[in-house]
């Protein structure tokens, strides 16, 4: 039996697609080995969101080729879409599989070359499908691919193509398989999830899809991975508010709180519009958690622009911020900009946003002290403390004492202690413990 191993860089969509590739190879007769061990096939699923991930992708490919020279290296993912020759320069015998052919990767590997005249879509979007998610308490479910937005800093439309929606029936069938497998959280994901359904016939929408998912039988919850602000509608919020199965958490990227920078980024909203969307979310779902992305050091970001972003954060008060430093991406409009921000300046701004984000997150979490919440315990313990770890429906990460029997289960937790970057809870399993904890 031939052996294989998998390596994934980048987003939730890539993680989902690696699982689909894994299942297709196992079905084709391969046996998986742990990453880094010698085997017949190494599959590297790359990312190109930043220059740093490009570098990581190249370094990983070189490392595998050096450590296991007899193995076949298969490279797929966004980095190779525009950098095929660069990858072949690492080793000419590397097998490159484009994003559109990931669903056929087992056949391509066995044929040792790309299939002639191959088209992944055949007139219809045909994504990978999964029935499991290795070493996870929760499973990603890919509902959409591609993006029609043209943010000036982003290569995703170049490497993923236009938006394509997966059909409702296959989404529901996959959700049923994952629920039957015992997953307690299904994370609905896509490159631009909010646009799901607009290209289907007849047209549909994300709120309608959620309405069908929550009617599936089983003990599970649904989380939206990320949604652009302009797709957050009153219909969507109404479905979320009325459904206990849907996590009360929205990740809405804003990138900058300065209108001039937003315009240069080609983001389809102003800072005021984003603030109003956040207000609408909290009016419909007062307990909702809003998390976001922010980019520092975008070309032309003056100190006044950065100050506007800090004031904006104070207004929106997101419970968590994922901070990026701008990365110049060849082929994007922003790469042509002349007013680059010095690296040291960008670094200082990164640290300032990090400190502000921590302060706001602490204040948000503090409101839940001595209150009860439901936490999905992860399959692996926290690396630093050895404690159980997991997230509640508002995406607060907890550290918990307890045995391994709690792993991959939703447990009732009392919020016991809030530190700067950590939240501690106490698991209870009966009414007596609940009364004692309170």
Protein backbone atom coordinates (compact mmCIF):
# COMPACT_ATOMS: atom_id res chain seq x y z
CA UNK A 1 0.00 0.00 0.00
CA UNK A 2 1.42 3.38 -1.01
CA UNK A 3 1.70 6.09 1.63
CA UNK A 4 0.94 9.82 1.65
CA UNK A 5 1.20 12.85 3.93
CA UNK A 6 -0.44 16.29 3.85
CA UNK A 7 0.67 19.86 4.56
CA UNK A 8 -1.70 22.84 4.57
CA UNK A 9 -0.98 26.56 4.59
CA UNK A 10 -3.57 29.29 4.75
CA UNK A 11 -7.30 29.61 5.15
CA UNK A 12 -10.21 27.44 6.25
CA UNK A 13 -11.06 26.74 2.60
CA UNK A 14 -7.59 25.26 2.10
CA UNK A 15 -7.99 23.15 5.24
CA UNK A 16 -11.30 21.86 3.92
CA UNK A 17 -9.80 21.07 0.54
CA UNK A 18 -6.90 19.18 2.09
CA UNK A 19 -9.44 16.99 3.90
CA UNK A 20 -11.18 16.34 0.58
CA UNK A 21 -7.86 15.42 -1.05
CA UNK A 22 -7.04 13.18 1.93
CA UNK A 23 -10.30 11.27 1.56
CA UNK A 24 -9.87 10.88 -2.20
CA UNK A 25 -6.38 9.40 -1.79
CA UNK A 26 -7.41 7.06 1.02
CA UNK A 27 -10.30 5.90 -1.18
CA UNK A 28 -7.77 5.31 -3.98
CA UNK A 29 -5.81 2.96 -1.72
CA UNK A 30 -3.22 5.20 -0.05
CA UNK A 31 -2.38 5.02 3.65
CA UNK A 32 -1.74 8.30 5.43
CA UNK A 33 1.39 8.83 7.49
CA UNK A 34 2.16 11.69 9.86
CA UNK A 35 3.46 14.86 8.22
CA UNK A 36 7.23 14.86 7.99
CA UNK A 37 7.63 11.08 7.83
CA UNK A 38 9.05 9.42 4.69
CA UNK A 39 6.32 8.32 2.30
CA UNK A 40 5.51 7.89 -1.38
CA UNK A 41 3.50 11.11 -1.84
CA UNK A 42 3.73 14.47 -0.07
CA UNK A 43 0.81 16.79 -0.88
CA UNK A 44 1.44 20.48 -0.17
CA UNK A 45 -1.61 22.77 -0.29
CA UNK A 46 -0.14 26.26 -0.60
CA UNK A 47 -1.31 29.80 0.13
CA UNK A 48 -0.44 33.16 -1.42
CA UNK A 49 -2.31 35.68 0.76
CA UNK A 50 0.97 37.34 1.81
CA UNK A 51 4.62 37.30 0.76
CA UNK A 52 5.28 35.47 4.03
CA UNK A 53 3.02 32.57 3.05
CA UNK A 54 4.70 32.43 -0.38
CA UNK A 55 8.02 32.05 1.40
CA UNK A 56 6.63 29.40 3.77
CA UNK A 57 5.31 27.44 0.80
CA UNK A 58 8.69 27.47 -0.98
CA UNK A 59 10.58 26.60 2.20
CA UNK A 60 8.28 23.64 2.93
CA UNK A 61 8.61 22.27 -0.61
CA UNK A 62 12.42 22.51 -0.50
CA UNK A 63 12.52 20.89 2.93
CA UNK A 64 10.41 17.91 1.82
CA UNK A 65 12.48 17.45 -1.33
CA UNK A 66 15.69 17.50 0.70
CA UNK A 67 14.49 15.20 3.51
CA UNK A 68 12.66 12.66 1.34
CA UNK A 69 14.26 12.86 -2.14
CA UNK A 70 12.65 9.66 -3.48
CA UNK A 71 9.11 10.79 -2.72
CA UNK A 72 6.77 12.43 -5.20
CA UNK A 73 6.02 16.03 -4.19
CA UNK A 74 2.55 17.20 -5.26
CA UNK A 75 2.00 20.95 -4.96
CA UNK A 76 -1.42 22.56 -5.23
CA UNK A 77 -3.18 25.63 -3.84
CA UNK A 78 -3.16 29.35 -4.53
CA UNK A 79 0.60 29.94 -4.59
CA UNK A 80 1.16 27.71 -7.63
CA UNK A 81 -1.62 29.34 -9.65
CA UNK A 82 0.64 32.25 -10.64
CA UNK A 83 4.04 30.81 -9.73
CA UNK A 84 4.24 27.49 -11.58
CA UNK A 85 7.67 28.13 -13.06
CA UNK A 86 9.04 29.20 -9.69
CA UNK A 87 7.86 25.94 -8.14
CA UNK A 88 9.35 23.91 -11.00
CA UNK A 89 12.61 25.73 -10.36
CA UNK A 90 12.77 24.07 -6.94
CA UNK A 91 12.62 20.63 -8.57
CA UNK A 92 11.51 19.88 -12.13
CA UNK A 93 9.82 16.59 -11.18
CA UNK A 94 7.30 18.27 -8.83
CA UNK A 95 3.72 17.52 -9.84
CA UNK A 96 1.63 20.68 -9.94
CA UNK A 97 -2.16 20.45 -9.58
CA UNK A 98 -4.15 23.65 -10.05
CA UNK A 99 -7.00 24.66 -7.76
CA UNK A 100 -9.60 23.74 -10.35
CA UNK A 101 -8.32 20.16 -10.44
CA UNK A 102 -8.18 19.42 -6.72
CA UNK A 103 -11.28 17.24 -6.93
CA UNK A 104 -9.43 14.95 -9.38
CA UNK A 105 -6.11 14.85 -7.58
CA UNK A 106 -6.07 11.08 -6.98
CA UNK A 107 -6.48 10.39 -10.72
CA UNK A 108 -3.90 13.02 -11.61
CA UNK A 109 -1.36 11.55 -9.21
CA UNK A 110 -1.93 8.05 -10.50
CA UNK A 111 -1.60 9.23 -14.09
CA UNK A 112 1.59 11.13 -13.08
CA UNK A 113 0.57 14.07 -15.23
CA UNK A 114 -2.30 16.45 -15.77
CA UNK A 115 -5.14 14.84 -17.65
CA UNK A 116 -5.36 16.16 -21.21
CA UNK A 117 -8.07 18.70 -21.85
CA UNK A 118 -9.17 18.52 -18.25
CA UNK A 119 -11.68 21.03 -16.95
CA UNK A 120 -12.74 20.85 -13.34
CA UNK A 121 -16.05 22.62 -13.75
CA UNK A 122 -17.49 20.94 -16.87
CA UNK A 123 -20.03 23.75 -16.94
CA UNK A 124 -20.93 23.25 -13.28
CA UNK A 125 -19.13 23.96 -10.04
CA UNK A 126 -18.03 20.57 -8.64
CA UNK A 127 -16.19 21.01 -5.34
CA UNK A 128 -14.46 18.41 -3.26
CA UNK A 129 -16.69 16.63 -0.78
CA UNK A 130 -15.85 15.31 2.68
CA UNK A 131 -17.32 13.01 5.31
CA UNK A 132 -14.81 13.55 8.14
CA UNK A 133 -12.31 16.10 9.47
CA UNK A 134 -9.10 14.64 10.80
CA UNK A 135 -8.15 15.42 14.42
CA UNK A 136 -10.83 18.08 14.80
CA UNK A 137 -13.73 18.69 17.16
CA UNK A 138 -15.41 20.79 14.48
CA UNK A 139 -15.67 20.45 10.73
CA UNK A 140 -15.47 23.02 7.96
CA UNK A 141 -18.06 22.82 5.20
CA UNK A 142 -17.16 24.67 2.02
CA UNK A 143 -20.22 26.27 0.44
CA UNK A 144 -18.62 28.71 -2.01
CA UNK A 145 -15.40 29.48 -3.87
CA UNK A 146 -13.94 32.46 -5.70
CA UNK A 147 -14.55 36.19 -5.31
CA UNK A 148 -16.00 38.97 -7.46
CA UNK A 149 -14.66 41.76 -5.24
CA UNK A 150 -11.52 43.49 -6.43
CA UNK A 151 -9.87 44.73 -3.26
CA UNK A 152 -6.73 46.48 -4.43
CA UNK A 153 -4.36 44.50 -2.15
CA UNK A 154 -5.75 41.00 -2.74
CA UNK A 155 -4.69 38.26 -5.17
CA UNK A 156 -7.57 35.92 -4.34
CA UNK A 157 -9.69 36.74 -7.44
CA UNK A 158 -6.58 36.06 -9.56
CA UNK A 159 -5.96 32.61 -8.08
CA UNK A 160 -9.49 31.48 -7.16
CA UNK A 161 -11.49 33.00 -10.00
CA UNK A 162 -15.04 34.39 -9.86
CA UNK A 163 -17.59 33.43 -7.23
CA UNK A 164 -19.24 30.01 -7.57
CA UNK A 165 -21.88 28.68 -5.20
CA UNK A 166 -22.16 25.04 -4.26
CA UNK A 167 -25.67 23.66 -4.72
CA UNK A 168 -27.95 23.41 -1.69
CA UNK A 169 -28.49 19.66 -1.93
CA UNK A 170 -24.82 18.73 -1.73
CA UNK A 171 -24.27 21.16 1.17
CA UNK A 172 -27.12 19.64 3.15
CA UNK A 173 -25.99 16.10 2.35
CA UNK A 174 -22.45 16.87 3.52
CA UNK A 175 -23.73 18.50 6.70
CA UNK A 176 -25.76 15.37 7.44
CA UNK A 177 -22.67 13.18 6.96
CA UNK A 178 -20.60 15.34 9.31
CA UNK A 179 -23.34 15.45 11.95
CA UNK A 180 -23.74 11.66 11.75
CA UNK A 181 -19.98 11.39 12.21
CA UNK A 182 -20.40 13.17 15.54
CA UNK A 183 -19.16 16.70 14.81
CA UNK A 184 -20.76 19.21 17.16
CA UNK A 185 -19.89 22.33 15.17
CA UNK A 186 -20.13 22.86 11.43
CA UNK A 187 -18.28 25.95 10.20
CA UNK A 188 -19.79 27.16 6.94
CA UNK A 189 -16.95 28.59 4.90
CA UNK A 190 -16.08 30.07 1.53
CA UNK A 191 -13.84 32.67 -0.07
CA UNK A 192 -16.73 35.18 -0.11
CA UNK A 193 -19.45 33.35 1.80
CA UNK A 194 -21.97 36.18 1.90
CA UNK A 195 -22.55 36.05 -1.85
CA UNK A 196 -23.60 32.39 -1.72
CA UNK A 197 -26.65 31.60 -3.83
CA UNK A 198 -26.60 34.60 -6.19
CA UNK A 199 -25.33 32.49 -9.12
CA UNK A 200 -27.62 29.51 -8.53
CA UNK A 201 -30.79 28.86 -10.51
CA UNK A 202 -33.14 29.71 -9.01
CA UNK A 203 -31.25 32.27 -6.93
CA UNK A 204 -30.92 31.74 -3.22
CA UNK A 205 -29.25 33.46 -0.25
CA UNK A 206 -27.23 32.64 2.82
CA UNK A 207 -30.13 33.21 5.22
CA UNK A 208 -32.21 30.66 3.29
CA UNK A 209 -29.38 28.13 3.42
CA UNK A 210 -29.03 28.62 7.18
CA UNK A 211 -32.77 28.13 7.54
CA UNK A 212 -32.44 24.71 5.92
CA UNK A 213 -29.32 23.70 7.84
CA UNK A 214 -30.86 24.37 11.26
CA UNK A 215 -33.72 22.01 10.40
CA UNK A 216 -31.36 19.05 10.10
CA UNK A 217 -31.69 16.51 12.90
CA UNK A 218 -28.94 16.22 15.48
CA UNK A 219 -27.13 17.91 18.35
CA UNK A 220 -24.86 20.41 16.61
CA UNK A 221 -24.28 24.10 16.05
CA UNK A 222 -23.42 26.16 12.96
CA UNK A 223 -20.88 28.98 12.73
CA UNK A 224 -20.28 31.34 9.83
CA UNK A 225 -16.55 31.53 9.15
CA UNK A 226 -16.43 35.08 7.76
CA UNK A 227 -18.79 37.42 5.99
CA UNK A 228 -18.19 40.75 4.29
CA UNK A 229 -20.16 43.56 6.00
CA UNK A 230 -22.28 44.39 2.94
CA UNK A 231 -23.83 40.91 3.03
CA UNK A 232 -25.04 41.20 6.64
CA UNK A 233 -28.78 41.76 6.19
CA UNK A 234 -31.77 41.98 8.50
CA UNK A 235 -32.98 38.66 7.03
CA UNK A 236 -29.72 36.97 7.97
CA UNK A 237 -29.76 38.44 11.49
CA UNK A 238 -33.39 37.38 12.00
CA UNK A 239 -32.51 33.78 11.18
CA UNK A 240 -29.48 33.89 13.49
CA UNK A 241 -31.47 35.46 16.34
CA UNK A 242 -34.22 32.84 16.23
CA UNK A 243 -32.00 29.77 15.93
CA UNK A 244 -30.24 28.36 19.02
CA UNK A 245 -28.16 26.18 16.70
CA UNK A 246 -26.47 29.19 15.06
CA UNK A 247 -23.47 30.69 16.88
CA UNK A 248 -24.03 34.33 17.84
CA UNK A 249 -20.78 35.39 16.24
CA UNK A 250 -20.00 37.30 13.05
CA UNK A 251 -16.52 37.77 11.66
CA UNK A 252 -16.81 40.92 9.52
CA UNK A 253 -13.48 42.17 8.09
CA UNK A 254 -13.12 45.95 8.08
CA UNK A 255 -9.37 46.35 7.25
CA UNK A 256 -9.25 50.10 8.04
CA UNK A 257 -11.27 52.72 9.87
CA UNK A 258 -10.16 55.53 7.57
CA UNK A 259 -12.35 56.36 4.59
CA UNK A 260 -9.51 57.43 2.31
CA UNK A 261 -7.65 54.18 2.96
CA UNK A 262 -10.86 52.17 2.47
CA UNK A 263 -11.35 53.89 -0.88
CA UNK A 264 -7.77 53.08 -1.92
CA UNK A 265 -8.36 49.48 -0.85
CA UNK A 266 -11.54 49.42 -2.99
CA UNK A 267 -13.56 48.26 0.02
CA UNK A 268 -17.32 48.67 -0.66
CA UNK A 269 -18.25 50.64 2.48
CA UNK A 270 -17.28 53.65 4.57
CA UNK A 271 -16.31 53.57 8.23
CA UNK A 272 -19.69 55.04 9.16
CA UNK A 273 -21.52 52.36 7.17
CA UNK A 274 -19.56 49.66 8.98
CA UNK A 275 -20.40 51.23 12.36
CA UNK A 276 -24.09 51.23 11.41
CA UNK A 277 -23.90 47.57 10.37
CA UNK A 278 -22.32 46.70 13.74
CA UNK A 279 -25.13 48.61 15.51
CA UNK A 280 -27.72 46.70 13.49
CA UNK A 281 -26.12 43.39 14.51
CA UNK A 282 -26.28 44.31 18.20
CA UNK A 283 -29.83 45.62 17.94
CA UNK A 284 -30.95 42.25 16.57
CA UNK A 285 -28.63 40.10 18.72
CA UNK A 286 -27.46 42.05 21.79
CA UNK A 287 -25.09 39.32 22.96
CA UNK A 288 -23.47 38.88 19.54
CA UNK A 289 -19.72 38.83 19.21
CA UNK A 290 -18.21 40.79 16.33
CA UNK A 291 -14.67 39.85 15.32
CA UNK A 292 -12.75 41.39 12.47
CA UNK A 293 -9.56 41.78 10.42
CA UNK A 294 -7.48 44.93 10.23
CA UNK A 295 -4.53 45.75 8.02
CA UNK A 296 -1.78 48.15 9.06
CA UNK A 297 0.78 49.79 6.79
CA UNK A 298 -1.34 49.98 3.65
CA UNK A 299 0.30 52.33 1.09
CA UNK A 300 -0.63 55.91 1.86
CA UNK A 301 -1.76 55.16 5.44
CA UNK A 302 -0.71 58.38 7.19
CA UNK A 303 -0.60 58.81 10.96
CA UNK A 304 -3.96 60.58 10.80
CA UNK A 305 -5.40 57.58 8.90
CA UNK A 306 -4.09 55.23 11.58
CA UNK A 307 -5.55 57.44 14.33
CA UNK A 308 -8.93 57.24 12.60
CA UNK A 309 -8.66 53.45 12.65
CA UNK A 310 -7.96 53.45 16.39
CA UNK A 311 -10.99 55.67 17.04
CA UNK A 312 -13.05 53.41 14.79
CA UNK A 313 -12.04 50.34 16.83
CA UNK A 314 -13.16 52.10 20.01
CA UNK A 315 -16.57 52.69 18.39
CA UNK A 316 -17.09 49.15 17.06
CA UNK A 317 -15.40 47.38 20.01
CA UNK A 318 -14.79 44.01 18.31
CA UNK A 319 -14.23 41.12 20.72
CA UNK A 320 -11.23 39.94 18.70
CA UNK A 321 -9.08 41.47 15.95
CA UNK A 322 -6.90 39.55 13.51
CA UNK A 323 -4.15 42.02 12.62
CA UNK A 324 -2.23 41.93 9.33
CA UNK A 325 0.67 43.96 8.07
CA UNK A 326 0.25 44.99 4.44
CA UNK A 327 2.05 42.65 2.05
CA UNK A 328 2.82 43.78 -1.48
CA UNK A 329 1.22 41.36 -3.94
CA UNK A 330 2.37 41.36 -7.56
CA UNK A 331 -0.54 41.80 -9.96
CA UNK A 332 -2.66 43.86 -7.58
CA UNK A 333 -3.42 47.56 -7.96
CA UNK A 334 -1.97 48.42 -4.55
CA UNK A 335 1.40 47.03 -5.64
CA UNK A 336 1.72 50.03 -7.97
CA UNK A 337 1.27 52.56 -5.17
CA UNK A 338 4.19 54.90 -4.52
CA UNK A 339 3.53 55.92 -0.89
CA UNK A 340 4.75 52.85 0.96
CA UNK A 341 4.72 52.84 4.77
CA UNK A 342 8.06 52.15 6.43
CA UNK A 343 8.32 48.68 7.98
CA UNK A 344 9.21 50.07 11.41
CA UNK A 345 6.18 52.35 11.30
CA UNK A 346 3.92 49.45 10.31
CA UNK A 347 5.39 47.36 13.13
CA UNK A 348 4.66 50.07 15.72
CA UNK A 349 1.11 50.38 14.45
CA UNK A 350 0.69 46.62 14.59
CA UNK A 351 1.72 46.60 18.27
CA UNK A 352 -0.53 49.56 19.07
CA UNK A 353 -3.57 47.83 17.54
CA UNK A 354 -2.63 44.61 19.35
CA UNK A 355 -2.65 46.41 22.72
CA UNK A 356 -5.94 48.16 21.95
CA UNK A 357 -7.54 44.89 20.79
CA UNK A 358 -6.48 43.14 24.00
CA UNK A 359 -7.99 45.89 26.15
CA UNK A 360 -11.33 45.77 24.32
CA UNK A 361 -11.39 41.96 24.31
CA UNK A 362 -10.78 41.91 28.06
CA UNK A 363 -13.68 44.29 28.67
CA UNK A 364 -15.98 42.19 26.48
CA UNK A 365 -15.08 38.92 28.20
CA UNK A 366 -15.29 40.43 31.69
CA UNK A 367 -19.04 40.91 31.22
CA UNK A 368 -19.45 37.13 31.23
CA UNK A 369 -17.77 36.47 34.60
CA UNK A 370 -19.73 33.94 36.72
CA UNK A 371 -22.13 33.36 33.84
CA UNK A 372 -22.85 30.07 32.12
CA UNK A 373 -21.89 29.28 28.54
CA UNK A 374 -21.51 26.25 26.28
CA UNK A 375 -18.01 25.36 25.11
CA UNK A 376 -17.01 22.90 22.41
CA UNK A 377 -13.84 21.25 23.75
CA UNK A 378 -11.12 20.84 21.14
CA UNK A 379 -9.53 17.50 20.23
CA UNK A 380 -6.12 18.69 21.45
CA UNK A 381 -5.10 20.31 24.73
CA UNK A 382 -3.60 23.77 24.98
CA UNK A 383 0.09 23.49 24.15
CA UNK A 384 1.30 25.95 26.82
CA UNK A 385 -0.79 24.93 29.84
CA UNK A 386 -1.82 21.34 29.14
CA UNK A 387 -5.42 22.31 29.93
CA UNK A 388 -8.45 21.50 27.83
CA UNK A 389 -9.35 24.30 25.47
CA UNK A 390 -12.34 25.21 23.38
CA UNK A 391 -14.65 27.98 22.13
CA UNK A 392 -18.16 29.01 23.05
CA UNK A 393 -20.68 30.19 20.48
CA UNK A 394 -19.43 33.79 20.79
CA UNK A 395 -15.89 32.68 19.90
CA UNK A 396 -14.44 33.18 23.36
CA UNK A 397 -11.55 30.76 23.84
CA UNK A 398 -11.55 28.96 27.20
CA UNK A 399 -8.99 27.05 29.23
CA UNK A 400 -10.57 24.28 31.31
CA UNK A 401 -9.52 21.63 33.80
CA UNK A 402 -10.86 18.18 33.05
CA UNK A 403 -10.27 14.74 31.63
CA UNK A 404 -9.96 13.70 28.00
CA UNK A 405 -13.52 12.36 28.05
CA UNK A 406 -14.67 15.95 27.51
CA UNK A 407 -12.81 16.28 24.20
CA UNK A 408 -14.98 16.90 21.11
CA UNK A 409 -18.06 17.50 23.28
CA UNK A 410 -20.07 20.60 24.12
CA UNK A 411 -19.88 21.15 27.88
CA UNK A 412 -21.53 23.61 30.26
CA UNK A 413 -19.03 26.05 31.71
CA UNK A 414 -19.04 28.82 34.31
CA UNK A 415 -16.70 31.70 33.43
CA UNK A 416 -14.34 31.84 36.42
CA UNK A 417 -11.41 34.11 35.64
CA UNK A 418 -10.41 36.62 32.98
CA UNK A 419 -6.78 37.44 32.37
CA UNK A 420 -5.41 39.75 29.67
CA UNK A 421 -5.31 37.16 26.90
CA UNK A 422 -6.85 34.12 28.57
CA UNK A 423 -10.26 33.08 29.85
CA UNK A 424 -10.65 30.28 32.41
CA UNK A 425 -13.81 28.29 33.01
CA UNK A 426 -15.07 25.52 35.25
CA UNK A 427 -16.91 22.56 33.74
CA UNK A 428 -20.02 21.32 35.53
CA UNK A 429 -22.23 18.40 34.67
CA UNK A 430 -25.23 18.54 37.05
CA UNK A 431 -27.50 20.97 38.87
CA UNK A 432 -25.61 20.64 42.17
CA UNK A 433 -22.37 21.73 40.51
CA UNK A 434 -24.19 24.57 38.75
CA UNK A 435 -25.53 25.93 42.05
CA UNK A 436 -22.12 25.60 43.70
CA UNK A 437 -20.37 27.35 40.83
CA UNK A 438 -22.77 30.29 40.93
